[in-house]
């Protein structure tokens, strides 16, 4: 596991739990996404996260406009969701 993956693991798991119906985490993630959406630099990531929360799971479309660590983060969230939802 890379340093980035280790640092973002708690957020990845929070996203997964929010997508699985944890209301408290969904509220917290939504608040963070709302803050991100106000900055043009983080808006593409905010959009991708919002779409994941809404149920979208298409990797290619979610990564559109993302590069580097944001793209890796989206992949990690989707990979974990696939693992959880696939059971």
PDB file of N, CA and C in Angstrom:
ATOM      1  N   UNK A   1       0.859  -1.176   0.000  1.00  0.00           N
ATOM      2  CA  UNK A   1       0.000   0.000   0.000  1.00  0.00           C
ATOM      3  C   UNK A   1       0.901   1.235   0.000  1.00  0.00           C
ATOM      4  N   UNK A   2       0.625   2.143  -0.904  1.00  0.00           N
ATOM      5  CA  UNK A   2       1.419   3.364  -0.989  1.00  0.00           C
ATOM      6  C   UNK A   2       1.100   4.293   0.183  1.00  0.00           C
ATOM      7  N   UNK A   3       1.964   5.272   0.386  1.00  0.00           N
ATOM      8  CA  UNK A   3       1.749   6.254   1.435  1.00  0.00           C
ATOM      9  C   UNK A   3       0.424   6.994   1.216  1.00  0.00           C
ATOM     10  N   UNK A   4       0.150   7.350  -0.036  1.00  0.00           N
ATOM     11  CA  UNK A   4      -1.101   8.042  -0.346  1.00  0.00           C
ATOM     12  C   UNK A   4      -2.295   7.163   0.002  1.00  0.00           C
ATOM     13  N   UNK A   5      -2.229   5.905  -0.379  1.00  0.00           N
ATOM     14  CA  UNK A   5      -3.339   4.991  -0.077  1.00  0.00           C
ATOM     15  C   UNK A   5      -3.526   4.833   1.430  1.00  0.00           C
ATOM     16  N   UNK A   6      -2.432   4.749   2.157  1.00  0.00           N
ATOM     17  CA  UNK A   6      -2.525   4.630   3.607  1.00  0.00           C
ATOM     18  C   UNK A   6      -3.138   5.879   4.231  1.00  0.00           C
ATOM     19  N   UNK A   7      -2.736   7.053   3.740  1.00  0.00           N
ATOM     20  CA  UNK A   7      -3.274   8.319   4.280  1.00  0.00           C
ATOM     21  C   UNK A   7      -4.748   8.491   3.963  1.00  0.00           C
ATOM     22  N   UNK A   8      -5.191   8.017   2.801  1.00  0.00           N
ATOM     23  CA  UNK A   8      -6.574   8.244   2.384  1.00  0.00           C
ATOM     24  C   UNK A   8      -7.504   7.094   2.751  1.00  0.00           C
ATOM     25  N   UNK A   9      -6.964   6.010   3.294  1.00  0.00           N
ATOM     26  CA  UNK A   9      -7.786   4.841   3.635  1.00  0.00           C
ATOM     27  C   UNK A   9      -8.976   5.205   4.532  1.00  0.00           C
ATOM     28  N   UNK A  10      -8.807   6.017   5.579  1.00  0.00           N
ATOM     29  CA  UNK A  10      -9.974   6.371   6.397  1.00  0.00           C
ATOM     30  C   UNK A  10     -11.072   7.072   5.580  1.00  0.00           C
ATOM     31  N   UNK A  11     -10.674   7.938   4.662  1.00  0.00           N
ATOM     32  CA  UNK A  11     -11.682   8.614   3.833  1.00  0.00           C
ATOM     33  C   UNK A  11     -12.362   7.627   2.891  1.00  0.00           C
ATOM     34  N   UNK A  12     -11.575   6.733   2.305  1.00  0.00           N
ATOM     35  CA  UNK A  12     -12.152   5.713   1.412  1.00  0.00           C
ATOM     36  C   UNK A  12     -13.208   4.911   2.171  1.00  0.00           C
ATOM     37  N   UNK A  13     -12.879   4.483   3.377  1.00  0.00           N
ATOM     38  CA  UNK A  13     -13.822   3.685   4.153  1.00  0.00           C
ATOM     39  C   UNK A  13     -15.043   4.512   4.566  1.00  0.00           C
ATOM     40  N   UNK A  14     -14.845   5.794   4.859  1.00  0.00           N
ATOM     41  CA  UNK A  14     -15.983   6.666   5.182  1.00  0.00           C
ATOM     42  C   UNK A  14     -16.908   6.791   3.974  1.00  0.00           C
ATOM     43  N   UNK A  15     -16.320   6.938   2.792  1.00  0.00           N
ATOM     44  CA  UNK A  15     -17.133   7.009   1.567  1.00  0.00           C
ATOM     45  C   UNK A  15     -17.927   5.725   1.368  1.00  0.00           C
ATOM     46  N   UNK A  16     -17.288   4.599   1.577  1.00  0.00           N
ATOM     47  CA  UNK A  16     -17.963   3.312   1.410  1.00  0.00           C
ATOM     48  C   UNK A  16     -19.123   3.200   2.390  1.00  0.00           C
ATOM     49  N   UNK A  17     -18.867   3.534   3.644  1.00  0.00           N
ATOM     50  CA  UNK A  17     -19.934   3.464   4.640  1.00  0.00           C
ATOM     51  C   UNK A  17     -21.058   4.444   4.336  1.00  0.00           C
ATOM     52  N   UNK A  18     -20.716   5.622   3.859  1.00  0.00           N
ATOM     53  CA  UNK A  18     -21.741   6.603   3.472  1.00  0.00           C
ATOM     54  C   UNK A  18     -22.585   6.049   2.335  1.00  0.00           C
ATOM     55  N   UNK A  19     -21.949   5.415   1.377  1.00  0.00           N
ATOM     56  CA  UNK A  19     -22.675   4.834   0.236  1.00  0.00           C
ATOM     57  C   UNK A  19     -23.534   3.638   0.661  1.00  0.00           C
ATOM     58  N   UNK A  20     -23.153   3.013   1.756  1.00  0.00           N
ATOM     59  CA  UNK A  20     -23.887   1.852   2.254  1.00  0.00           C
ATOM     60  C   UNK A  20     -24.998   2.240   3.230  1.00  0.00           C
ATOM     61  N   UNK A  21     -25.200   3.542   3.434  1.00  0.00           N
ATOM     62  CA  UNK A  21     -26.337   3.980   4.229  1.00  0.00           C
ATOM     63  C   UNK A  21     -26.030   4.560   5.595  1.00  0.00           C
ATOM     64  N   UNK A  22     -24.765   4.732   5.952  1.00  0.00           N
ATOM     65  CA  UNK A  22     -24.426   5.354   7.228  1.00  0.00           C
ATOM     66  C   UNK A  22     -24.765   6.844   7.126  1.00  0.00           C
ATOM     67  N   UNK A  23     -25.848   7.231   7.763  1.00  0.00           N
ATOM     68  CA  UNK A  23     -26.380   8.590   7.630  1.00  0.00           C
ATOM     69  C   UNK A  23     -25.407   9.635   8.166  1.00  0.00           C
ATOM     70  N   UNK A  24     -24.789   9.354   9.305  1.00  0.00           N
ATOM     71  CA  UNK A  24     -23.863  10.321   9.892  1.00  0.00           C
ATOM     72  C   UNK A  24     -22.666  10.565   8.963  1.00  0.00           C
ATOM     73  N   UNK A  25     -22.086   9.488   8.448  1.00  0.00           N
ATOM     74  CA  UNK A  25     -20.954   9.650   7.539  1.00  0.00           C
ATOM     75  C   UNK A  25     -21.383  10.284   6.225  1.00  0.00           C
ATOM     76  N   UNK A  26     -22.567   9.974   5.774  1.00  0.00           N
ATOM     77  CA  UNK A  26     -23.057  10.583   4.534  1.00  0.00           C
ATOM     78  C   UNK A  26     -23.158  12.098   4.702  1.00  0.00           C
ATOM     79  N   UNK A  27     -23.632  12.527   5.846  1.00  0.00           N
ATOM     80  CA  UNK A  27     -23.733  13.955   6.137  1.00  0.00           C
ATOM     81  C   UNK A  27     -22.343  14.600   6.170  1.00  0.00           C
ATOM     82  N   UNK A  28     -21.391  13.933   6.839  1.00  0.00           N
ATOM     83  CA  UNK A  28     -20.038  14.475   6.937  1.00  0.00           C
ATOM     84  C   UNK A  28     -19.362  14.548   5.565  1.00  0.00           C
ATOM     85  N   UNK A  29     -19.519  13.489   4.774  1.00  0.00           N
ATOM     86  CA  UNK A  29     -18.927  13.469   3.437  1.00  0.00           C
ATOM     87  C   UNK A  29     -19.582  14.535   2.564  1.00  0.00           C
ATOM     88  N   UNK A  30     -20.898  14.673   2.665  1.00  0.00           N
ATOM     89  CA  UNK A  30     -21.604  15.680   1.869  1.00  0.00           C
ATOM     90  C   UNK A  30     -21.123  17.087   2.224  1.00  0.00           C
ATOM     91  N   UNK A  31     -20.855  17.331   3.502  1.00  0.00           N
ATOM     92  CA  UNK A  31     -20.353  18.642   3.919  1.00  0.00           C
ATOM     93  C   UNK A  31     -18.973  18.894   3.319  1.00  0.00           C
ATOM     94  N   UNK A  32     -18.110  17.889   3.339  1.00  0.00           N
ATOM     95  CA  UNK A  32     -16.777  18.027   2.757  1.00  0.00           C
ATOM     96  C   UNK A  32     -16.862  18.252   1.249  1.00  0.00           C
ATOM     97  N   UNK A  33     -17.711  17.488   0.587  1.00  0.00           N
ATOM     98  CA  UNK A  33     -17.880  17.634  -0.863  1.00  0.00           C
ATOM     99  C   UNK A  33     -18.412  19.029  -1.190  1.00  0.00           C
ATOM    100  N   UNK A  34     -19.311  19.536  -0.374  1.00  0.00           N
ATOM    101  CA  UNK A  34     -19.827  20.880  -0.570  1.00  0.00           C
ATOM    102  C   UNK A  34     -18.738  21.934  -0.486  1.00  0.00           C
ATOM    103  N   UNK A  35     -17.827  21.760   0.457  1.00  0.00           N
ATOM    104  CA  UNK A  35     -16.693  22.687   0.566  1.00  0.00           C
ATOM    105  C   UNK A  35     -15.787  22.566  -0.655  1.00  0.00           C
ATOM    106  N   UNK A  36     -15.529  21.349  -1.081  1.00  0.00           N
ATOM    107  CA  UNK A  36     -14.665  21.126  -2.243  1.00  0.00           C
ATOM    108  C   UNK A  36     -15.268  21.742  -3.503  1.00  0.00           C
ATOM    109  N   UNK A  37     -16.578  21.695  -3.606  1.00  0.00           N
ATOM    110  CA  UNK A  37     -17.262  22.194  -4.803  1.00  0.00           C
ATOM    111  C   UNK A  37     -17.139  23.708  -4.952  1.00  0.00           C
ATOM    112  N   UNK A  38     -16.764  24.399  -3.891  1.00  0.00           N
ATOM    113  CA  UNK A  38     -16.638  25.850  -3.951  1.00  0.00           C
ATOM    114  C   UNK A  38     -15.290  26.318  -4.487  1.00  0.00           C
ATOM    115  N   UNK A  39     -14.380  25.385  -4.706  1.00  0.00           N
ATOM    116  CA  UNK A  39     -13.041  25.712  -5.198  1.00  0.00           C
ATOM    117  C   UNK A  39     -12.873  25.074  -6.571  1.00  0.00           C
ATOM    118  N   UNK A  40     -12.551  25.875  -7.561  1.00  0.00           N
ATOM    119  CA  UNK A  40     -12.440  25.354  -8.926  1.00  0.00           C
ATOM    120  C   UNK A  40     -11.371  24.263  -9.042  1.00  0.00           C
ATOM    121  N   UNK A  41     -10.369  24.295  -8.170  1.00  0.00           N
ATOM    122  CA  UNK A  41      -9.306  23.283  -8.219  1.00  0.00           C
ATOM    123  C   UNK A  41      -9.794  21.916  -7.753  1.00  0.00           C
ATOM    124  N   UNK A  42     -10.742  21.895  -6.839  1.00  0.00           N
ATOM    125  CA  UNK A  42     -11.236  20.619  -6.317  1.00  0.00           C
ATOM    126  C   UNK A  42     -12.647  20.284  -6.796  1.00  0.00           C
ATOM    127  N   UNK A  43     -13.218  21.134  -7.621  1.00  0.00           N
ATOM    128  CA  UNK A  43     -14.569  20.888  -8.136  1.00  0.00           C
ATOM    129  C   UNK A  43     -14.693  19.562  -8.890  1.00  0.00           C
ATOM    130  N   UNK A  44     -13.767  19.200  -9.779  1.00  0.00           N
ATOM    131  CA  UNK A  44     -13.917  17.908 -10.472  1.00  0.00           C
ATOM    132  C   UNK A  44     -13.955  16.723  -9.501  1.00  0.00           C
ATOM    133  N   UNK A  45     -13.157  16.772  -8.456  1.00  0.00           N
ATOM    134  CA  UNK A  45     -13.164  15.703  -7.460  1.00  0.00           C
ATOM    135  C   UNK A  45     -14.475  15.705  -6.691  1.00  0.00           C
ATOM    136  N   UNK A  46     -14.962  16.882  -6.345  1.00  0.00           N
ATOM    137  CA  UNK A  46     -16.248  16.988  -5.647  1.00  0.00           C
ATOM    138  C   UNK A  46     -17.360  16.393  -6.498  1.00  0.00           C
ATOM    139  N   UNK A  47     -17.341  16.676  -7.782  1.00  0.00           N
ATOM    140  CA  UNK A  47     -18.360  16.125  -8.674  1.00  0.00           C
ATOM    141  C   UNK A  47     -18.293  14.600  -8.712  1.00  0.00           C
ATOM    142  N   UNK A  48     -17.092  14.057  -8.815  1.00  0.00           N
ATOM    143  CA  UNK A  48     -16.932  12.599  -8.853  1.00  0.00           C
ATOM    144  C   UNK A  48     -17.430  11.971  -7.553  1.00  0.00           C
ATOM    145  N   UNK A  49     -17.091  12.557  -6.425  1.00  0.00           N
ATOM    146  CA  UNK A  49     -17.534  12.018  -5.143  1.00  0.00           C
ATOM    147  C   UNK A  49     -19.049  12.077  -5.005  1.00  0.00           C
ATOM    148  N   UNK A  50     -19.639  13.173  -5.443  1.00  0.00           N
ATOM    149  CA  UNK A  50     -21.105  13.295  -5.401  1.00  0.00           C
ATOM    150  C   UNK A  50     -21.768  12.217  -6.241  1.00  0.00           C
ATOM    151  N   UNK A  51     -21.199  11.961  -7.394  1.00  0.00           N
ATOM    152  CA  UNK A  51     -21.762  10.945  -8.287  1.00  0.00           C
ATOM    153  C   UNK A  51     -21.608   9.548  -7.701  1.00  0.00           C
ATOM    154  N   UNK A  52     -20.506   9.292  -7.005  1.00  0.00           N
ATOM    155  CA  UNK A  52     -20.330   7.998  -6.346  1.00  0.00           C
ATOM    156  C   UNK A  52     -21.379   7.834  -5.251  1.00  0.00           C
ATOM    157  N   UNK A  53     -21.568   8.862  -4.449  1.00  0.00           N
ATOM    158  CA  UNK A  53     -22.576   8.807  -3.382  1.00  0.00           C
ATOM    159  C   UNK A  53     -23.965   8.568  -3.965  1.00  0.00           C
ATOM    160  N   UNK A  54     -24.221   9.139  -5.134  1.00  0.00           N
ATOM    161  CA  UNK A  54     -25.523   8.980  -5.778  1.00  0.00           C
ATOM    162  C   UNK A  54     -25.705   7.596  -6.405  1.00  0.00           C
ATOM    163  N   UNK A  55     -24.631   6.796  -6.423  1.00  0.00           N
ATOM    164  CA  UNK A  55     -24.762   5.431  -6.909  1.00  0.00           C
ATOM    165  C   UNK A  55     -24.032   5.108  -8.195  1.00  0.00           C
ATOM    166  N   UNK A  56     -23.389   6.092  -8.793  1.00  0.00           N
ATOM    167  CA  UNK A  56     -22.661   5.839 -10.035  1.00  0.00           C
ATOM    168  C   UNK A  56     -21.407   5.032  -9.731  1.00  0.00           C
ATOM    169  N   UNK A  57     -21.112   4.059 -10.594  1.00  0.00           N
ATOM    170  CA  UNK A  57     -19.952   3.192 -10.371  1.00  0.00           C
ATOM    171  C   UNK A  57     -19.058   3.048 -11.606  1.00  0.00           C
ATOM    172  N   UNK A  58     -19.291   3.804 -12.656  1.00  0.00           N
ATOM    173  CA  UNK A  58     -18.494   3.705 -13.873  1.00  0.00           C
ATOM    174  C   UNK A  58     -17.149   4.391 -13.728  1.00  0.00           C
ATOM    175  N   UNK A  59     -16.092   3.601 -13.647  1.00  0.00           N
ATOM    176  CA  UNK A  59     -14.765   4.141 -13.400  1.00  0.00           C
ATOM    177  C   UNK A  59     -14.335   5.166 -14.444  1.00  0.00           C
ATOM    178  N   UNK A  60     -14.498   4.837 -15.704  1.00  0.00           N
ATOM    179  CA  UNK A  60     -14.020   5.738 -16.768  1.00  0.00           C
ATOM    180  C   UNK A  60     -14.707   7.100 -16.689  1.00  0.00           C
ATOM    181  N   UNK A  61     -16.006   7.111 -16.531  1.00  0.00           N
ATOM    182  CA  UNK A  61     -16.711   8.397 -16.501  1.00  0.00           C
ATOM    183  C   UNK A  61     -16.420   9.167 -15.214  1.00  0.00           C
ATOM    184  N   UNK A  62     -16.246   8.467 -14.102  1.00  0.00           N
ATOM    185  CA  UNK A  62     -15.957   9.145 -12.837  1.00  0.00           C
ATOM    186  C   UNK A  62     -14.556   9.745 -12.810  1.00  0.00           C
ATOM    187  N   UNK A  63     -13.623   9.107 -13.511  1.00  0.00           N
ATOM    188  CA  UNK A  63     -12.245   9.617 -13.533  1.00  0.00           C
ATOM    189  C   UNK A  63     -12.042  10.705 -14.577  1.00  0.00           C
ATOM    190  N   UNK A  64     -13.040  10.945 -15.410  1.00  0.00           N
ATOM    191  CA  UNK A  64     -12.910  11.966 -16.451  1.00  0.00           C
ATOM    192  C   UNK A  64     -12.597  13.321 -15.817  1.00  0.00           C
ATOM    193  N   UNK A  65     -11.532  13.939 -16.283  1.00  0.00           N
ATOM    194  CA  UNK A  65     -11.118  15.234 -15.762  1.00  0.00           C
ATOM    195  C   UNK A  65     -10.245  15.156 -14.519  1.00  0.00           C
ATOM    196  N   UNK A  66      -9.975  13.947 -14.038  1.00  0.00           N
ATOM    197  CA  UNK A  66      -9.135  13.776 -12.857  1.00  0.00           C
ATOM    198  C   UNK A  66      -7.786  13.200 -13.275  1.00  0.00           C
ATOM    199  N   UNK A  67      -6.755  13.615 -12.588  1.00  0.00           N
ATOM    200  CA  UNK A  67      -5.410  13.094 -12.832  1.00  0.00           C
ATOM    201  C   UNK A  67      -4.734  12.860 -11.492  1.00  0.00           C
ATOM    202  N   UNK A  68      -3.713  12.043 -11.493  1.00  0.00           N
ATOM    203  CA  UNK A  68      -2.895  11.846 -10.302  1.00  0.00           C
ATOM    204  C   UNK A  68      -3.666  11.296  -9.129  1.00  0.00           C
ATOM    205  N   UNK A  69      -3.411  11.867  -7.958  1.00  0.00           N
ATOM    206  CA  UNK A  69      -3.996  11.353  -6.728  1.00  0.00           C
ATOM    207  C   UNK A  69      -5.524  11.370  -6.703  1.00  0.00           C
ATOM    208  N   UNK A  70      -6.195  12.395  -7.233  1.00  0.00           N
ATOM    209  CA  UNK A  70      -7.659  12.321  -7.261  1.00  0.00           C
ATOM    210  C   UNK A  70      -8.178  11.101  -8.040  1.00  0.00           C
ATOM    211  N   UNK A  71      -7.542  10.788  -9.147  1.00  0.00           N
ATOM    212  CA  UNK A  71      -7.949   9.610  -9.925  1.00  0.00           C
ATOM    213  C   UNK A  71      -7.684   8.332  -9.133  1.00  0.00           C
ATOM    214  N   UNK A  72      -6.555   8.286  -8.437  1.00  0.00           N
ATOM    215  CA  UNK A  72      -6.227   7.118  -7.608  1.00  0.00           C
ATOM    216  C   UNK A  72      -7.241   6.970  -6.483  1.00  0.00           C
ATOM    217  N   UNK A  73      -7.659   8.078  -5.901  1.00  0.00           N
ATOM    218  CA  UNK A  73      -8.639   8.049  -4.816  1.00  0.00           C
ATOM    219  C   UNK A  73      -9.982   7.517  -5.311  1.00  0.00           C
ATOM    220  N   UNK A  74     -10.432   7.975  -6.468  1.00  0.00           N
ATOM    221  CA  UNK A  74     -11.689   7.482  -7.033  1.00  0.00           C
ATOM    222  C   UNK A  74     -11.588   5.980  -7.287  1.00  0.00           C
ATOM    223  N   UNK A  75     -10.472   5.533  -7.838  1.00  0.00           N
ATOM    224  CA  UNK A  75     -10.277   4.101  -8.079  1.00  0.00           C
ATOM    225  C   UNK A  75     -10.342   3.314  -6.775  1.00  0.00           C
ATOM    226  N   UNK A  76      -9.710   3.823  -5.730  1.00  0.00           N
ATOM    227  CA  UNK A  76      -9.703   3.128  -4.441  1.00  0.00           C
ATOM    228  C   UNK A  76     -11.108   3.029  -3.856  1.00  0.00           C
ATOM    229  N   UNK A  77     -11.877   4.091  -3.959  1.00  0.00           N
ATOM    230  CA  UNK A  77     -13.253   4.082  -3.451  1.00  0.00           C
ATOM    231  C   UNK A  77     -14.076   3.061  -4.220  1.00  0.00           C
ATOM    232  N   UNK A  78     -13.980   3.090  -5.539  1.00  0.00           N
ATOM    233  CA  UNK A  78     -14.761   2.151  -6.349  1.00  0.00           C
ATOM    234  C   UNK A  78     -14.331   0.708  -6.116  1.00  0.00           C
ATOM    235  N   UNK A  79     -13.039   0.482  -5.958  1.00  0.00           N
ATOM    236  CA  UNK A  79     -12.537  -0.881  -5.695  1.00  0.00           C
ATOM    237  C   UNK A  79     -13.112  -1.400  -4.383  1.00  0.00           C
ATOM    238  N   UNK A  80     -13.112  -0.553  -3.355  1.00  0.00           N
ATOM    239  CA  UNK A  80     -13.643  -0.982  -2.061  1.00  0.00           C
ATOM    240  C   UNK A  80     -15.156  -1.179  -2.123  1.00  0.00           C
ATOM    241  N   UNK A  81     -15.844  -0.297  -2.843  1.00  0.00           N
ATOM    242  CA  UNK A  81     -17.296  -0.473  -3.014  1.00  0.00           C
ATOM    243  C   UNK A  81     -17.615  -1.770  -3.743  1.00  0.00           C
ATOM    244  N   UNK A  82     -16.850  -2.086  -4.762  1.00  0.00           N
ATOM    245  CA  UNK A  82     -17.051  -3.331  -5.504  1.00  0.00           C
ATOM    246  C   UNK A  82     -16.872  -4.523  -4.580  1.00  0.00           C
ATOM    247  N   UNK A  83     -15.861  -4.459  -3.728  1.00  0.00           N
ATOM    248  CA  UNK A  83     -15.617  -5.534  -2.781  1.00  0.00           C
ATOM    249  C   UNK A  83     -16.802  -5.690  -1.823  1.00  0.00           C
ATOM    250  N   UNK A  84     -17.277  -4.581  -1.288  1.00  0.00           N
ATOM    251  CA  UNK A  84     -18.379  -4.616  -0.311  1.00  0.00           C
ATOM    252  C   UNK A  84     -19.700  -4.954  -0.989  1.00  0.00           C
ATOM    253  N   UNK A  85     -19.995  -4.327  -2.100  1.00  0.00           N
ATOM    254  CA  UNK A  85     -21.273  -4.541  -2.777  1.00  0.00           C
ATOM    255  C   UNK A  85     -21.322  -5.893  -3.494  1.00  0.00           C
ATOM    256  N   UNK A  86     -20.159  -6.432  -3.798  1.00  0.00           N
ATOM    257  CA  UNK A  86     -20.101  -7.711  -4.493  1.00  0.00           C
ATOM    258  C   UNK A  86     -20.340  -8.902  -3.590  1.00  0.00           C
ATOM    259  N   UNK A  87     -20.351  -8.678  -2.272  1.00  0.00           N
ATOM    260  CA  UNK A  87     -20.555  -9.785  -1.331  1.00  0.00           C
ATOM    261  C   UNK A  87     -21.989 -10.122  -1.166  1.00  0.00           C
TER     262      UNK A  87
END
